[in-house]
Amino acid sequence: MLLWSQCVWSQNPPEDDYREDQIFLGISYPFLANGSPDITQNKFSHALQAGFVRDMPLNTRRNFALGLGLGFSYNVIYNNLRFLEESESFELISNVDTNLWKWTELNVPIELRWRTSSTEVYKFWRIYGGITAFYTLNARQNYRKDDETSRFSDLSLEKFRFALHFSVGNNTWNIYFQHPLAPMFKKSQIAENDLIKDLGNAKIGLIFYVF
């Protein structure tokens, strides 16, 4: 009996193991930030993301933590800035034409996480914010004029980019915002192009945290 009591008391209480490891899914509207007002978007641009975040509590209550994740995102932006296939120059086209940029990337979010949760409270408020590192996997432009065949070409996006991100909400539903920290195009492409020199990709939408 004494041995059993000692074993029971030596086990860690539930709160010692509590963490918010989470799968996340997100849908957002991507928009071009810090660019010329001549660059406009049209139709329905969209972005999807999914991944996993490992939660590492930083205090005894375990409601303040560091999060490190890995994810994947797919982005589509319809706009009037068309890069010409034969060179690194570009032109502004009519909104009647279809011109879109689409790219996929790996995401590594690093964030500070505060929430009102506990081992017994599963619906809670949360505020998460930090920096996301992006690695571009594939980037293409798709241009079509009237009924012509689509023309595909590569986009010279930077392989590595960084952005600030912020999410706030209750339970599964959360508002998500992302703002770029650097231009999205390679330095060789923007060196003499003031129109896109500071152009970056921002997002606003919803992110869902699923256990």
C-alpha atoms as a PDB file:
ATOM      1  CA  MET A   1       0.000   0.000   0.000  1.00  0.00           C
ATOM      2  CA  LEU A   2       2.850   2.357   0.880  1.00  0.00           C
ATOM      3  CA  LEU A   3       4.589   1.585  -2.420  1.00  0.00           C
ATOM      4  CA  TRP A   4       1.372   2.320  -4.359  1.00  0.00           C
ATOM      5  CA  SER A   5       0.970   5.691  -2.595  1.00  0.00           C
ATOM      6  CA  GLN A   6       4.529   6.652  -3.416  1.00  0.00           C
ATOM      7  CA  CYS A   7       3.998   5.802  -7.106  1.00  0.00           C
ATOM      8  CA  VAL A   8       0.811   7.877  -7.277  1.00  0.00           C
ATOM      9  CA  TRP A   9       2.402  10.934  -5.673  1.00  0.00           C
ATOM     10  CA  SER A  10       5.496  10.692  -7.875  1.00  0.00           C
ATOM     11  CA  GLN A  11       3.477  11.068 -11.089  1.00  0.00           C
ATOM     12  CA  ASN A  12       3.329  14.526 -12.669  1.00  0.00           C
ATOM     13  CA  PRO A  13      -0.019  16.355 -12.340  1.00  0.00           C
ATOM     14  CA  PRO A  14      -1.941  16.765 -15.646  1.00  0.00           C
ATOM     15  CA  GLU A  15      -1.073  20.469 -15.946  1.00  0.00           C
ATOM     16  CA  ASP A  16       2.658  19.620 -16.074  1.00  0.00           C
ATOM     17  CA  ASP A  17       2.118  17.943 -19.450  1.00  0.00           C
ATOM     18  CA  TYR A  18      -0.433  20.389 -20.891  1.00  0.00           C
ATOM     19  CA  ARG A  19       0.468  21.977 -24.225  1.00  0.00           C
ATOM     20  CA  GLU A  20      -1.343  23.268 -27.307  1.00  0.00           C
ATOM     21  CA  ASP A  21       0.243  21.315 -30.162  1.00  0.00           C
ATOM     22  CA  GLN A  22      -1.993  22.127 -33.105  1.00  0.00           C
ATOM     23  CA  ILE A  23      -2.745  21.462 -36.746  1.00  0.00           C
ATOM     24  CA  PHE A  24      -3.693  24.692 -38.499  1.00  0.00           C
ATOM     25  CA  LEU A  25      -5.719  25.355 -41.666  1.00  0.00           C
ATOM     26  CA  GLY A  26      -6.132  28.777 -43.193  1.00  0.00           C
ATOM     27  CA  ILE A  27      -7.859  30.626 -46.008  1.00  0.00           C
ATOM     28  CA  SER A  28      -7.065  34.246 -46.783  1.00  0.00           C
ATOM     29  CA  TYR A  29      -7.134  37.044 -49.304  1.00  0.00           C
ATOM     30  CA  PRO A  30      -3.589  37.859 -50.494  1.00  0.00           C
ATOM     31  CA  PHE A  31      -2.887  41.400 -51.621  1.00  0.00           C
ATOM     32  CA  LEU A  32       0.111  43.307 -52.954  1.00  0.00           C
ATOM     33  CA  ALA A  33       1.601  45.721 -50.411  1.00  0.00           C
ATOM     34  CA  ASN A  34       4.098  48.586 -50.720  1.00  0.00           C
ATOM     35  CA  GLY A  35       3.738  48.739 -54.494  1.00  0.00           C
ATOM     36  CA  SER A  36       2.795  51.424 -56.985  1.00  0.00           C
ATOM     37  CA  PRO A  37      -0.892  52.489 -57.085  1.00  0.00           C
ATOM     38  CA  ASP A  38      -0.775  51.612 -60.791  1.00  0.00           C
ATOM     39  CA  ILE A  39      -0.636  47.937 -59.839  1.00  0.00           C
ATOM     40  CA  THR A  40      -4.180  46.735 -59.232  1.00  0.00           C
ATOM     41  CA  GLN A  41      -5.810  43.406 -58.411  1.00  0.00           C
ATOM     42  CA  ASN A  42      -8.932  41.949 -59.938  1.00  0.00           C
ATOM     43  CA  LYS A  43     -11.090  38.833 -59.740  1.00  0.00           C
ATOM     44  CA  PHE A  44     -10.786  36.617 -56.657  1.00  0.00           C
ATOM     45  CA  SER A  45      -7.239  36.250 -55.393  1.00  0.00           C
ATOM     46  CA  HIS A  46      -6.900  33.576 -52.701  1.00  0.00           C
ATOM     47  CA  ALA A  47      -4.422  31.713 -50.524  1.00  0.00           C
ATOM     48  CA  LEU A  48      -4.604  28.421 -48.616  1.00  0.00           C
ATOM     49  CA  GLN A  49      -2.289  27.161 -45.904  1.00  0.00           C
ATOM     50  CA  ALA A  50      -1.942  24.119 -43.660  1.00  0.00           C
ATOM     51  CA  GLY A  51       0.614  22.843 -41.185  1.00  0.00           C
ATOM     52  CA  PHE A  52       1.506  21.894 -37.628  1.00  0.00           C
ATOM     53  CA  VAL A  53       2.789  23.923 -34.661  1.00  0.00           C
ATOM     54  CA  ARG A  54       4.700  22.483 -31.704  1.00  0.00           C
ATOM     55  CA  ASP A  55       3.812  24.273 -28.477  1.00  0.00           C
ATOM     56  CA  MET A  56       6.523  24.912 -25.853  1.00  0.00           C
ATOM     57  CA  PRO A  57       5.083  26.504 -22.656  1.00  0.00           C
ATOM     58  CA  LEU A  58       7.176  29.190 -20.973  1.00  0.00           C
ATOM     59  CA  ASN A  59       5.388  29.619 -17.624  1.00  0.00           C
ATOM     60  CA  THR A  60       3.961  27.467 -14.835  1.00  0.00           C
ATOM     61  CA  ARG A  61       0.347  28.007 -15.859  1.00  0.00           C
ATOM     62  CA  ARG A  62       1.391  27.019 -19.412  1.00  0.00           C
ATOM     63  CA  ASN A  63      -0.810  29.652 -21.057  1.00  0.00           C
ATOM     64  CA  PHE A  64       2.195  31.554 -22.435  1.00  0.00           C
ATOM     65  CA  ALA A  65       4.326  29.637 -24.911  1.00  0.00           C
ATOM     66  CA  LEU A  66       6.692  29.601 -27.848  1.00  0.00           C
ATOM     67  CA  GLY A  67       5.407  27.956 -31.017  1.00  0.00           C
ATOM     68  CA  LEU A  68       7.509  26.476 -33.813  1.00  0.00           C
ATOM     69  CA  GLY A  69       5.795  25.117 -36.892  1.00  0.00           C
ATOM     70  CA  LEU A  70       6.082  23.773 -40.397  1.00  0.00           C
ATOM     71  CA  GLY A  71       3.495  24.278 -43.094  1.00  0.00           C
ATOM     72  CA  PHE A  72       2.662  24.634 -46.768  1.00  0.00           C
ATOM     73  CA  SER A  73       0.801  27.374 -48.624  1.00  0.00           C
ATOM     74  CA  TYR A  74      -0.668  27.902 -52.089  1.00  0.00           C
ATOM     75  CA  ASN A  75      -1.178  31.455 -53.355  1.00  0.00           C
ATOM     76  CA  VAL A  76      -2.972  32.977 -56.351  1.00  0.00           C
ATOM     77  CA  ILE A  77      -3.041  36.723 -57.095  1.00  0.00           C
ATOM     78  CA  TYR A  78      -4.898  38.156 -60.105  1.00  0.00           C
ATOM     79  CA  ASN A  79      -3.409  41.500 -61.140  1.00  0.00           C
ATOM     80  CA  ASN A  80      -2.572  43.800 -64.061  1.00  0.00           C
ATOM     81  CA  LEU A  81       1.243  43.516 -63.903  1.00  0.00           C
ATOM     82  CA  ARG A  82       2.447  41.129 -66.581  1.00  0.00           C
ATOM     83  CA  PHE A  83       6.085  40.086 -66.884  1.00  0.00           C
ATOM     84  CA  LEU A  84       7.138  39.616 -70.500  1.00  0.00           C
ATOM     85  CA  GLU A  85       8.430  36.190 -71.400  1.00  0.00           C
ATOM     86  CA  GLU A  86      11.317  37.340 -73.569  1.00  0.00           C
ATOM     87  CA  SER A  87      12.920  39.583 -70.926  1.00  0.00           C
ATOM     88  CA  GLU A  88      12.708  40.778 -67.340  1.00  0.00           C
ATOM     89  CA  SER A  89      10.643  43.800 -68.389  1.00  0.00           C
ATOM     90  CA  PHE A  90       6.918  44.082 -67.741  1.00  0.00           C
ATOM     91  CA  GLU A  91       3.761  45.859 -68.826  1.00  0.00           C
ATOM     92  CA  LEU A  92       0.504  46.963 -67.248  1.00  0.00           C
ATOM     93  CA  ILE A  93      -2.386  45.256 -68.992  1.00  0.00           C
ATOM     94  CA  SER A  94      -6.130  45.804 -69.265  1.00  0.00           C
ATOM     95  CA  ASN A  95      -8.266  44.254 -66.546  1.00  0.00           C
ATOM     96  CA  VAL A  96     -10.206  42.543 -69.320  1.00  0.00           C
ATOM     97  CA  ASP A  97      -7.231  40.222 -69.791  1.00  0.00           C
ATOM     98  CA  THR A  98      -6.488  37.437 -67.314  1.00  0.00           C
ATOM     99  CA  ASN A  99      -3.135  37.610 -65.600  1.00  0.00           C
ATOM    100  CA  LEU A 100      -2.342  35.699 -62.446  1.00  0.00           C
ATOM    101  CA  TRP A 101       0.645  34.797 -60.319  1.00  0.00           C
ATOM    102  CA  LYS A 102       0.572  31.524 -58.446  1.00  0.00           C
ATOM    103  CA  TRP A 103       3.181  30.001 -56.195  1.00  0.00           C
ATOM    104  CA  THR A 104       3.658  27.360 -53.533  1.00  0.00           C
ATOM    105  CA  GLU A 105       5.939  27.652 -50.532  1.00  0.00           C
ATOM    106  CA  LEU A 106       7.045  26.042 -47.302  1.00  0.00           C
ATOM    107  CA  ASN A 107       6.273  28.043 -44.158  1.00  0.00           C
ATOM    108  CA  VAL A 108       8.143  28.006 -40.850  1.00  0.00           C
ATOM    109  CA  PRO A 109       6.193  30.097 -38.289  1.00  0.00           C
ATOM    110  CA  ILE A 110       7.878  31.109 -35.033  1.00  0.00           C
ATOM    111  CA  GLU A 111       5.502  32.783 -32.592  1.00  0.00           C
ATOM    112  CA  LEU A 112       4.766  33.826 -29.047  1.00  0.00           C
ATOM    113  CA  ARG A 113       1.429  32.418 -27.906  1.00  0.00           C
ATOM    114  CA  TRP A 114      -0.900  33.651 -25.162  1.00  0.00           C
ATOM    115  CA  ARG A 115      -4.269  32.040 -24.372  1.00  0.00           C
ATOM    116  CA  THR A 116      -6.862  31.742 -21.614  1.00  0.00           C
ATOM    117  CA  SER A 117      -6.837  27.939 -21.726  1.00  0.00           C
ATOM    118  CA  SER A 118      -6.102  25.316 -19.078  1.00  0.00           C
ATOM    119  CA  THR A 119      -6.304  21.537 -18.704  1.00  0.00           C
ATOM    120  CA  GLU A 120     -10.073  21.876 -18.141  1.00  0.00           C
ATOM    121  CA  VAL A 121     -10.925  24.779 -20.497  1.00  0.00           C
ATOM    122  CA  TYR A 122     -10.966  23.815 -24.177  1.00  0.00           C
ATOM    123  CA  LYS A 123     -12.757  26.862 -25.617  1.00  0.00           C
ATOM    124  CA  PHE A 124     -10.608  29.910 -25.010  1.00  0.00           C
ATOM    125  CA  TRP A 125      -9.296  33.220 -26.346  1.00  0.00           C
ATOM    126  CA  ARG A 126      -5.903  33.317 -27.987  1.00  0.00           C
ATOM    127  CA  ILE A 127      -3.443  35.893 -29.305  1.00  0.00           C
ATOM    128  CA  TYR A 128      -0.535  34.554 -31.364  1.00  0.00           C
ATOM    129  CA  GLY A 129       2.090  36.619 -33.155  1.00  0.00           C
ATOM    130  CA  GLY A 130       5.548  36.244 -34.632  1.00  0.00           C
ATOM    131  CA  ILE A 131       7.603  35.814 -37.788  1.00  0.00           C
ATOM    132  CA  THR A 132       7.108  33.357 -40.642  1.00  0.00           C
ATOM    133  CA  ALA A 133       9.976  32.273 -42.879  1.00  0.00           C
ATOM    134  CA  PHE A 134       9.010  31.247 -46.431  1.00  0.00           C
ATOM    135  CA  TYR A 135      10.829  29.080 -48.954  1.00  0.00           C
ATOM    136  CA  THR A 136       9.432  29.298 -52.488  1.00  0.00           C
ATOM    137  CA  LEU A 137       8.979  25.915 -54.150  1.00  0.00           C
ATOM    138  CA  ASN A 138       7.438  26.965 -57.456  1.00  0.00           C
ATOM    139  CA  ALA A 139       6.263  30.286 -58.932  1.00  0.00           C
ATOM    140  CA  ARG A 140       4.516  30.819 -62.274  1.00  0.00           C
ATOM    141  CA  GLN A 141       2.659  33.490 -64.218  1.00  0.00           C
ATOM    142  CA  ASN A 142      -0.411  32.622 -66.308  1.00  0.00           C
ATOM    143  CA  TYR A 143      -1.530  35.185 -68.887  1.00  0.00           C
ATOM    144  CA  ARG A 144      -4.471  34.935 -71.296  1.00  0.00           C
ATOM    145  CA  LYS A 145      -5.878  37.590 -73.622  1.00  0.00           C
ATOM    146  CA  ASP A 146      -9.486  37.123 -74.746  1.00  0.00           C
ATOM    147  CA  ASP A 147      -9.815  33.580 -76.131  1.00  0.00           C
ATOM    148  CA  GLU A 148      -6.111  33.029 -76.747  1.00  0.00           C
ATOM    149  CA  THR A 149      -4.233  30.053 -75.316  1.00  0.00           C
ATOM    150  CA  SER A 150      -2.790  30.657 -71.860  1.00  0.00           C
ATOM    151  CA  ARG A 151       0.859  31.612 -71.726  1.00  0.00           C
ATOM    152  CA  PHE A 152       2.877  30.320 -68.783  1.00  0.00           C
ATOM    153  CA  SER A 153       6.207  31.700 -67.598  1.00  0.00           C
ATOM    154  CA  ASP A 154       8.355  31.580 -64.470  1.00  0.00           C
ATOM    155  CA  LEU A 155       8.191  34.253 -61.765  1.00  0.00           C
ATOM    156  CA  SER A 156      11.440  35.443 -60.193  1.00  0.00           C
ATOM    157  CA  LEU A 157      10.333  35.315 -56.572  1.00  0.00           C
ATOM    158  CA  GLU A 158      12.932  35.357 -53.820  1.00  0.00           C
ATOM    159  CA  LYS A 159      13.571  31.853 -52.552  1.00  0.00           C
ATOM    160  CA  PHE A 160      13.687  32.995 -48.907  1.00  0.00           C
ATOM    161  CA  ARG A 161      11.343  35.648 -47.545  1.00  0.00           C
ATOM    162  CA  PHE A 162      10.063  36.738 -44.141  1.00  0.00           C
ATOM    163  CA  ALA A 163       6.800  38.234 -42.882  1.00  0.00           C
ATOM    164  CA  LEU A 164       5.193  39.257 -39.611  1.00  0.00           C
ATOM    165  CA  HIS A 165       2.030  37.344 -38.740  1.00  0.00           C
ATOM    166  CA  PHE A 166      -0.684  37.840 -36.140  1.00  0.00           C
ATOM    167  CA  SER A 167      -3.814  35.867 -35.223  1.00  0.00           C
ATOM    168  CA  VAL A 168      -6.511  36.473 -32.627  1.00  0.00           C
ATOM    169  CA  GLY A 169      -9.745  34.659 -31.898  1.00  0.00           C
ATOM    170  CA  ASN A 170     -11.763  32.292 -29.781  1.00  0.00           C
ATOM    171  CA  ASN A 171     -11.736  28.503 -29.999  1.00  0.00           C
ATOM    172  CA  THR A 172     -11.361  27.286 -33.612  1.00  0.00           C
ATOM    173  CA  TRP A 173     -12.119  30.557 -35.440  1.00  0.00           C
ATOM    174  CA  ASN A 174      -9.350  33.158 -35.628  1.00  0.00           C
ATOM    175  CA  ILE A 175      -8.597  36.258 -37.679  1.00  0.00           C
ATOM    176  CA  TYR A 176      -5.214  36.070 -39.406  1.00  0.00           C
ATOM    177  CA  PHE A 177      -3.012  38.861 -40.772  1.00  0.00           C
ATOM    178  CA  GLN A 178       0.387  38.745 -42.472  1.00  0.00           C
ATOM    179  CA  HIS A 179       2.644  41.634 -43.544  1.00  0.00           C
ATOM    180  CA  PRO A 180       5.864  41.273 -45.589  1.00  0.00           C
ATOM    181  CA  LEU A 181       9.266  42.282 -44.228  1.00  0.00           C
ATOM    182  CA  ALA A 182      11.016  42.285 -47.620  1.00  0.00           C
ATOM    183  CA  PRO A 183      10.167  42.547 -51.340  1.00  0.00           C
ATOM    184  CA  MET A 184       8.854  39.385 -52.970  1.00  0.00           C
ATOM    185  CA  PHE A 185      10.904  39.583 -56.178  1.00  0.00           C
ATOM    186  CA  LYS A 186      14.609  38.858 -56.612  1.00  0.00           C
ATOM    187  CA  LYS A 187      17.018  41.796 -56.375  1.00  0.00           C
ATOM    188  CA  SER A 188      18.159  41.259 -59.962  1.00  0.00           C
ATOM    189  CA  GLN A 189      14.567  41.751 -61.118  1.00  0.00           C
ATOM    190  CA  ILE A 190      13.778  44.871 -59.095  1.00  0.00           C
ATOM    191  CA  ALA A 191      17.131  46.682 -59.359  1.00  0.00           C
ATOM    192  CA  GLU A 192      15.939  49.146 -62.001  1.00  0.00           C
ATOM    193  CA  ASN A 193      12.177  48.697 -61.656  1.00  0.00           C
ATOM    194  CA  ASP A 194      10.826  51.267 -59.199  1.00  0.00           C
ATOM    195  CA  LEU A 195       7.295  50.024 -59.837  1.00  0.00           C
ATOM    196  CA  ILE A 196       7.971  46.752 -58.001  1.00  0.00           C
ATOM    197  CA  LYS A 197      11.005  47.710 -55.896  1.00  0.00           C
ATOM    198  CA  ASP A 198       9.201  47.334 -52.561  1.00  0.00           C
ATOM    199  CA  LEU A 199       6.352  45.090 -53.684  1.00  0.00           C
ATOM    200  CA  GLY A 200       5.445  42.408 -51.158  1.00  0.00           C
ATOM    201  CA  ASN A 201       2.674  39.941 -50.389  1.00  0.00           C
ATOM    202  CA  ALA A 202       0.325  40.572 -47.461  1.00  0.00           C
ATOM    203  CA  LYS A 203      -2.687  38.504 -46.363  1.00  0.00           C
ATOM    204  CA  ILE A 204      -5.835  38.815 -44.309  1.00  0.00           C
ATOM    205  CA  GLY A 205      -8.230  35.964 -43.589  1.00  0.00           C
ATOM    206  CA  LEU A 206      -9.124  33.168 -41.201  1.00  0.00           C
ATOM    207  CA  ILE A 207      -6.974  30.509 -39.576  1.00  0.00           C
ATOM    208  CA  PHE A 208      -8.400  27.436 -37.853  1.00  0.00           C
ATOM    209  CA  TYR A 209      -6.547  25.551 -35.106  1.00  0.00           C
ATOM    210  CA  VAL A 210      -7.474  21.878 -34.947  1.00  0.00           C
ATOM    211  CA  PHE A 211      -6.270  19.442 -32.277  1.00  0.00           C
END
